[in-house]
Amino acid sequence: MTIGASVFLIAVGAILRFAVTDTVRGIDLAVVGVILMVAGAIGLLASLMIYGRRDRVVVDRPVDRRLL
């Protein structure tokens, strides 16, 4: 899951949890919102851990001075 998708899940979950007052028979929208926020937070942490561990490799090559 990407960082953008995680933030999107957190935002949709927060909207469902705190802003929506409608009811749907058989579905508790507040619980769905909390589940989405938790899933987004887990995805965000996983994405940050994966992207944070990327090693950067710098390769030094001699420059051909004739091309300058």
PDB file of N, CA and C in Angstrom:
ATOM      1  N   MET A   1       0.857  -1.172   0.000  1.00  0.00           N
ATOM      2  CA  MET A   1       0.000   0.000   0.000  1.00  0.00           C
ATOM      3  C   MET A   1       0.902   1.233   0.000  1.00  0.00           C
ATOM      4  N   THR A   2       0.552   2.193  -0.808  1.00  0.00           N
ATOM      5  CA  THR A   2       1.359   3.404  -0.884  1.00  0.00           C
ATOM      6  C   THR A   2       0.970   4.389   0.219  1.00  0.00           C
ATOM      7  N   ILE A   3       1.787   5.401   0.369  1.00  0.00           N
ATOM      8  CA  ILE A   3       1.523   6.407   1.387  1.00  0.00           C
ATOM      9  C   ILE A   3       0.233   7.155   1.062  1.00  0.00           C
ATOM     10  N   GLY A   4       0.017   7.464  -0.206  1.00  0.00           N
ATOM     11  CA  GLY A   4      -1.197   8.173  -0.606  1.00  0.00           C
ATOM     12  C   GLY A   4      -2.459   7.372  -0.325  1.00  0.00           C
ATOM     13  N   ALA A   5      -2.415   6.076  -0.610  1.00  0.00           N
ATOM     14  CA  ALA A   5      -3.575   5.224  -0.340  1.00  0.00           C
ATOM     15  C   ALA A   5      -3.838   5.126   1.158  1.00  0.00           C
ATOM     16  N   SER A   6      -2.781   5.081   1.943  1.00  0.00           N
ATOM     17  CA  SER A   6      -2.943   5.017   3.398  1.00  0.00           C
ATOM     18  C   SER A   6      -3.579   6.293   3.940  1.00  0.00           C
ATOM     19  N   VAL A   7      -3.107   7.425   3.464  1.00  0.00           N
ATOM     20  CA  VAL A   7      -3.679   8.700   3.912  1.00  0.00           C
ATOM     21  C   VAL A   7      -5.139   8.808   3.468  1.00  0.00           C
ATOM     22  N   PHE A   8      -5.445   8.311   2.269  1.00  0.00           N
ATOM     23  CA  PHE A   8      -6.816   8.313   1.786  1.00  0.00           C
ATOM     24  C   PHE A   8      -7.715   7.465   2.692  1.00  0.00           C
ATOM     25  N   LEU A   9      -7.260   6.281   3.076  1.00  0.00           N
ATOM     26  CA  LEU A   9      -8.050   5.436   3.976  1.00  0.00           C
ATOM     27  C   LEU A   9      -8.276   6.111   5.323  1.00  0.00           C
ATOM     28  N   ILE A  10      -7.249   6.757   5.836  1.00  0.00           N
ATOM     29  CA  ILE A  10      -7.386   7.452   7.112  1.00  0.00           C
ATOM     30  C   ILE A  10      -8.412   8.584   6.987  1.00  0.00           C
ATOM     31  N   ALA A  11      -8.354   9.323   5.886  1.00  0.00           N
ATOM     32  CA  ALA A  11      -9.285  10.440   5.697  1.00  0.00           C
ATOM     33  C   ALA A  11     -10.724   9.949   5.543  1.00  0.00           C
ATOM     34  N   VAL A  12     -10.935   8.924   4.742  1.00  0.00           N
ATOM     35  CA  VAL A  12     -12.289   8.383   4.567  1.00  0.00           C
ATOM     36  C   VAL A  12     -12.804   7.810   5.880  1.00  0.00           C
ATOM     37  N   GLY A  13     -11.943   7.124   6.612  1.00  0.00           N
ATOM     38  CA  GLY A  13     -12.342   6.580   7.900  1.00  0.00           C
ATOM     39  C   GLY A  13     -12.720   7.665   8.896  1.00  0.00           C
ATOM     40  N   ALA A  14     -11.963   8.748   8.903  1.00  0.00           N
ATOM     41  CA  ALA A  14     -12.269   9.850   9.812  1.00  0.00           C
ATOM     42  C   ALA A  14     -13.593  10.513   9.442  1.00  0.00           C
ATOM     43  N   ILE A  15     -13.846  10.630   8.145  1.00  0.00           N
ATOM     44  CA  ILE A  15     -15.129  11.199   7.715  1.00  0.00           C
ATOM     45  C   ILE A  15     -16.278  10.313   8.169  1.00  0.00           C
ATOM     46  N   LEU A  16     -16.136   9.006   7.955  1.00  0.00           N
ATOM     47  CA  LEU A  16     -17.206   8.091   8.371  1.00  0.00           C
ATOM     48  C   LEU A  16     -17.387   8.089   9.889  1.00  0.00           C
ATOM     49  N   ARG A  17     -16.286   8.196  10.615  1.00  0.00           N
ATOM     50  CA  ARG A  17     -16.364   8.111  12.077  1.00  0.00           C
ATOM     51  C   ARG A  17     -16.924   9.385  12.696  1.00  0.00           C
ATOM     52  N   PHE A  18     -16.474  10.538  12.225  1.00  0.00           N
ATOM     53  CA  PHE A  18     -16.786  11.779  12.917  1.00  0.00           C
ATOM     54  C   PHE A  18     -17.810  12.677  12.215  1.00  0.00           C
ATOM     55  N   ALA A  19     -18.004  12.518  10.903  1.00  0.00           N
ATOM     56  CA  ALA A  19     -18.834  13.478  10.184  1.00  0.00           C
ATOM     57  C   ALA A  19     -20.161  12.913   9.687  1.00  0.00           C
ATOM     58  N   VAL A  20     -20.241  11.628   9.480  1.00  0.00           N
ATOM     59  CA  VAL A  20     -21.456  11.047   8.919  1.00  0.00           C
ATOM     60  C   VAL A  20     -22.417  10.712  10.054  1.00  0.00           C
ATOM     61  N   THR A  21     -23.649  11.207   9.924  1.00  0.00           N
ATOM     62  CA  THR A  21     -24.656  10.936  10.954  1.00  0.00           C
ATOM     63  C   THR A  21     -25.773  10.038  10.436  1.00  0.00           C
ATOM     64  N   ASP A  22     -25.741   9.696   9.151  1.00  0.00           N
ATOM     65  CA  ASP A  22     -26.758   8.803   8.597  1.00  0.00           C
ATOM     66  C   ASP A  22     -26.569   7.386   9.124  1.00  0.00           C
ATOM     67  N   THR A  23     -27.611   6.604   8.998  1.00  0.00           N
ATOM     68  CA  THR A  23     -27.538   5.221   9.435  1.00  0.00           C
ATOM     69  C   THR A  23     -27.846   4.303   8.263  1.00  0.00           C
ATOM     70  N   VAL A  24     -27.230   3.165   8.295  1.00  0.00           N
ATOM     71  CA  VAL A  24     -27.473   2.118   7.310  1.00  0.00           C
ATOM     72  C   VAL A  24     -27.850   0.869   8.085  1.00  0.00           C
ATOM     73  N   ARG A  25     -28.941   0.242   7.687  1.00  0.00           N
ATOM     74  CA  ARG A  25     -29.407  -0.928   8.420  1.00  0.00           C
ATOM     75  C   ARG A  25     -28.363  -2.052   8.329  1.00  0.00           C
ATOM     76  N   GLY A  26     -27.932  -2.530   9.468  1.00  0.00           N
ATOM     77  CA  GLY A  26     -26.992  -3.641   9.528  1.00  0.00           C
ATOM     78  C   GLY A  26     -25.530  -3.248   9.494  1.00  0.00           C
ATOM     79  N   ILE A  27     -25.220  -1.970   9.283  1.00  0.00           N
ATOM     80  CA  ILE A  27     -23.826  -1.517   9.216  1.00  0.00           C
ATOM     81  C   ILE A  27     -23.654  -0.323  10.137  1.00  0.00           C
ATOM     82  N   ASP A  28     -22.684  -0.416  11.018  1.00  0.00           N
ATOM     83  CA  ASP A  28     -22.341   0.708  11.887  1.00  0.00           C
ATOM     84  C   ASP A  28     -21.229   1.500  11.217  1.00  0.00           C
ATOM     85  N   LEU A  29     -21.575   2.650  10.662  1.00  0.00           N
ATOM     86  CA  LEU A  29     -20.606   3.432   9.896  1.00  0.00           C
ATOM     87  C   LEU A  29     -19.451   3.937  10.753  1.00  0.00           C
ATOM     88  N   ALA A  30     -19.683   4.164  12.026  1.00  0.00           N
ATOM     89  CA  ALA A  30     -18.603   4.604  12.916  1.00  0.00           C
ATOM     90  C   ALA A  30     -17.552   3.497  13.063  1.00  0.00           C
ATOM     91  N   VAL A  31     -18.002   2.261  13.164  1.00  0.00           N
ATOM     92  CA  VAL A  31     -17.063   1.136  13.280  1.00  0.00           C
ATOM     93  C   VAL A  31     -16.301   0.949  11.969  1.00  0.00           C
ATOM     94  N   VAL A  32     -16.995   1.089  10.852  1.00  0.00           N
ATOM     95  CA  VAL A  32     -16.329   1.003   9.557  1.00  0.00           C
ATOM     96  C   VAL A  32     -15.263   2.099   9.448  1.00  0.00           C
ATOM     97  N   GLY A  33     -15.574   3.289   9.919  1.00  0.00           N
ATOM     98  CA  GLY A  33     -14.605   4.378   9.905  1.00  0.00           C
ATOM     99  C   GLY A  33     -13.381   4.085  10.740  1.00  0.00           C
ATOM    100  N   VAL A  34     -13.588   3.516  11.915  1.00  0.00           N
ATOM    101  CA  VAL A  34     -12.447   3.166  12.777  1.00  0.00           C
ATOM    102  C   VAL A  34     -11.599   2.091  12.121  1.00  0.00           C
ATOM    103  N   ILE A  35     -12.244   1.101  11.506  1.00  0.00           N
ATOM    104  CA  ILE A  35     -11.505   0.038  10.831  1.00  0.00           C
ATOM    105  C   ILE A  35     -10.668   0.607   9.690  1.00  0.00           C
ATOM    106  N   LEU A  36     -11.239   1.522   8.917  1.00  0.00           N
ATOM    107  CA  LEU A  36     -10.480   2.133   7.828  1.00  0.00           C
ATOM    108  C   LEU A  36      -9.309   2.968   8.343  1.00  0.00           C
ATOM    109  N   MET A  37      -9.522   3.686   9.437  1.00  0.00           N
ATOM    110  CA  MET A  37      -8.424   4.482  10.002  1.00  0.00           C
ATOM    111  C   MET A  37      -7.299   3.589  10.498  1.00  0.00           C
ATOM    112  N   VAL A  38      -7.640   2.492  11.141  1.00  0.00           N
ATOM    113  CA  VAL A  38      -6.612   1.574  11.640  1.00  0.00           C
ATOM    114  C   VAL A  38      -5.866   0.931  10.477  1.00  0.00           C
ATOM    115  N   ALA A  39      -6.600   0.492   9.455  1.00  0.00           N
ATOM    116  CA  ALA A  39      -5.958  -0.101   8.281  1.00  0.00           C
ATOM    117  C   ALA A  39      -5.054   0.912   7.583  1.00  0.00           C
ATOM    118  N   GLY A  40      -5.496   2.151   7.485  1.00  0.00           N
ATOM    119  CA  GLY A  40      -4.670   3.195   6.882  1.00  0.00           C
ATOM    120  C   GLY A  40      -3.421   3.479   7.697  1.00  0.00           C
ATOM    121  N   ALA A  41      -3.556   3.489   9.015  1.00  0.00           N
ATOM    122  CA  ALA A  41      -2.394   3.738   9.876  1.00  0.00           C
ATOM    123  C   ALA A  41      -1.376   2.604   9.761  1.00  0.00           C
ATOM    124  N   ILE A  42      -1.853   1.372   9.728  1.00  0.00           N
ATOM    125  CA  ILE A  42      -0.940   0.230   9.572  1.00  0.00           C
ATOM    126  C   ILE A  42      -0.251   0.290   8.217  1.00  0.00           C
ATOM    127  N   GLY A  43      -1.017   0.605   7.173  1.00  0.00           N
ATOM    128  CA  GLY A  43      -0.422   0.738   5.849  1.00  0.00           C
ATOM    129  C   GLY A  43       0.577   1.868   5.766  1.00  0.00           C
ATOM    130  N   LEU A  44       0.284   2.971   6.442  1.00  0.00           N
ATOM    131  CA  LEU A  44       1.210   4.102   6.443  1.00  0.00           C
ATOM    132  C   LEU A  44       2.509   3.746   7.145  1.00  0.00           C
ATOM    133  N   LEU A  45       2.417   3.092   8.278  1.00  0.00           N
ATOM    134  CA  LEU A  45       3.628   2.673   8.991  1.00  0.00           C
ATOM    135  C   LEU A  45       4.439   1.688   8.171  1.00  0.00           C
ATOM    136  N   ALA A  46       3.761   0.737   7.540  1.00  0.00           N
ATOM    137  CA  ALA A  46       4.470  -0.237   6.711  1.00  0.00           C
ATOM    138  C   ALA A  46       5.139   0.453   5.522  1.00  0.00           C
ATOM    139  N   SER A  47       4.443   1.392   4.902  1.00  0.00           N
ATOM    140  CA  SER A  47       5.030   2.112   3.764  1.00  0.00           C
ATOM    141  C   SER A  47       6.246   2.919   4.187  1.00  0.00           C
ATOM    142  N   LEU A  48       6.143   3.586   5.315  1.00  0.00           N
ATOM    143  CA  LEU A  48       7.287   4.377   5.783  1.00  0.00           C
ATOM    144  C   LEU A  48       8.470   3.490   6.143  1.00  0.00           C
ATOM    145  N   MET A  49       8.197   2.329   6.694  1.00  0.00           N
ATOM    146  CA  MET A  49       9.293   1.414   7.029  1.00  0.00           C
ATOM    147  C   MET A  49       9.952   0.884   5.757  1.00  0.00           C
ATOM    148  N   ILE A  50       9.153   0.557   4.754  1.00  0.00           N
ATOM    149  CA  ILE A  50       9.715   0.014   3.516  1.00  0.00           C
ATOM    150  C   ILE A  50      10.495   1.090   2.769  1.00  0.00           C
ATOM    151  N   TYR A  51       9.900   2.272   2.612  1.00  0.00           N
ATOM    152  CA  TYR A  51      10.582   3.333   1.883  1.00  0.00           C
ATOM    153  C   TYR A  51      11.746   3.907   2.665  1.00  0.00           C
ATOM    154  N   GLY A  52      11.706   3.842   3.967  1.00  0.00           N
ATOM    155  CA  GLY A  52      12.789   4.364   4.781  1.00  0.00           C
ATOM    156  C   GLY A  52      14.027   3.492   4.766  1.00  0.00           C
ATOM    157  N   ARG A  53      13.872   2.218   4.407  1.00  0.00           N
ATOM    158  CA  ARG A  53      15.002   1.292   4.417  1.00  0.00           C
ATOM    159  C   ARG A  53      15.693   1.170   3.068  1.00  0.00           C
ATOM    160  N   ARG A  54      15.279   1.930   2.114  1.00  0.00           N
ATOM    161  CA  ARG A  54      15.945   1.855   0.818  1.00  0.00           C
ATOM    162  C   ARG A  54      17.352   2.401   0.941  1.00  0.00           C
ATOM    163  N   ASP A  55      18.298   1.631   0.464  1.00  0.00           N
ATOM    164  CA  ASP A  55      19.690   2.065   0.477  1.00  0.00           C
ATOM    165  C   ASP A  55      19.976   2.837  -0.793  1.00  0.00           C
ATOM    166  N   ARG A  56      20.703   3.885  -0.635  1.00  0.00           N
ATOM    167  CA  ARG A  56      21.090   4.681  -1.779  1.00  0.00           C
ATOM    168  C   ARG A  56      22.526   4.310  -2.148  1.00  0.00           C
ATOM    169  N   VAL A  57      22.724   4.027  -3.400  1.00  0.00           N
ATOM    170  CA  VAL A  57      24.047   3.649  -3.877  1.00  0.00           C
ATOM    171  C   VAL A  57      24.567   4.769  -4.765  1.00  0.00           C
ATOM    172  N   VAL A  58      25.743   5.233  -4.427  1.00  0.00           N
ATOM    173  CA  VAL A  58      26.383   6.286  -5.211  1.00  0.00           C
ATOM    174  C   VAL A  58      27.581   5.656  -5.916  1.00  0.00           C
ATOM    175  N   VAL A  59      27.602   5.807  -7.220  1.00  0.00           N
ATOM    176  CA  VAL A  59      28.686   5.233  -8.003  1.00  0.00           C
ATOM    177  C   VAL A  59      29.527   6.376  -8.543  1.00  0.00           C
ATOM    178  N   ASP A  60      30.791   6.350  -8.195  1.00  0.00           N
ATOM    179  CA  ASP A  60      31.726   7.349  -8.711  1.00  0.00           C
ATOM    180  C   ASP A  60      32.418   6.762  -9.936  1.00  0.00           C
ATOM    181  N   ARG A  61      32.297   7.491 -11.043  1.00  0.00           N
ATOM    182  CA  ARG A  61      32.959   7.058 -12.263  1.00  0.00           C
ATOM    183  C   ARG A  61      33.910   8.153 -12.704  1.00  0.00           C
ATOM    184  N   PRO A  62      35.022   7.762 -13.251  1.00  0.00           N
ATOM    185  CA  PRO A  62      35.936   8.795 -13.748  1.00  0.00           C
ATOM    186  C   PRO A  62      35.315   9.524 -14.941  1.00  0.00           C
ATOM    187  N   VAL A  63      35.563  10.801 -15.002  1.00  0.00           N
ATOM    188  CA  VAL A  63      35.006  11.640 -16.066  1.00  0.00           C
ATOM    189  C   VAL A  63      36.026  11.739 -17.182  1.00  0.00           C
ATOM    190  N   ASP A  64      35.541  11.509 -18.384  1.00  0.00           N
ATOM    191  CA  ASP A  64      36.422  11.668 -19.541  1.00  0.00           C
ATOM    192  C   ASP A  64      36.539  13.166 -19.843  1.00  0.00           C
ATOM    193  N   ARG A  65      37.668  13.739 -19.595  1.00  0.00           N
ATOM    194  CA  ARG A  65      37.861  15.187 -19.746  1.00  0.00           C
ATOM    195  C   ARG A  65      37.773  15.628 -21.203  1.00  0.00           C
ATOM    196  N   ARG A  66      37.965  14.713 -22.124  1.00  0.00           N
ATOM    197  CA  ARG A  66      37.895  15.092 -23.539  1.00  0.00           C
ATOM    198  C   ARG A  66      36.460  15.464 -23.934  1.00  0.00           C
ATOM    199  N   LEU A  67      35.458  14.940 -23.216  1.00  0.00           N
ATOM    200  CA  LEU A  67      34.071  15.216 -23.545  1.00  0.00           C
ATOM    201  C   LEU A  67      33.601  16.555 -23.012  1.00  0.00           C
ATOM    202  N   LEU A  68      34.378  17.150 -22.101  1.00  0.00           N
ATOM    203  CA  LEU A  68      33.985  18.438 -21.534  1.00  0.00           C
ATOM    204  C   LEU A  68      34.469  19.508 -22.427  1.00  0.00           C
TER     205      LEU A  68
END
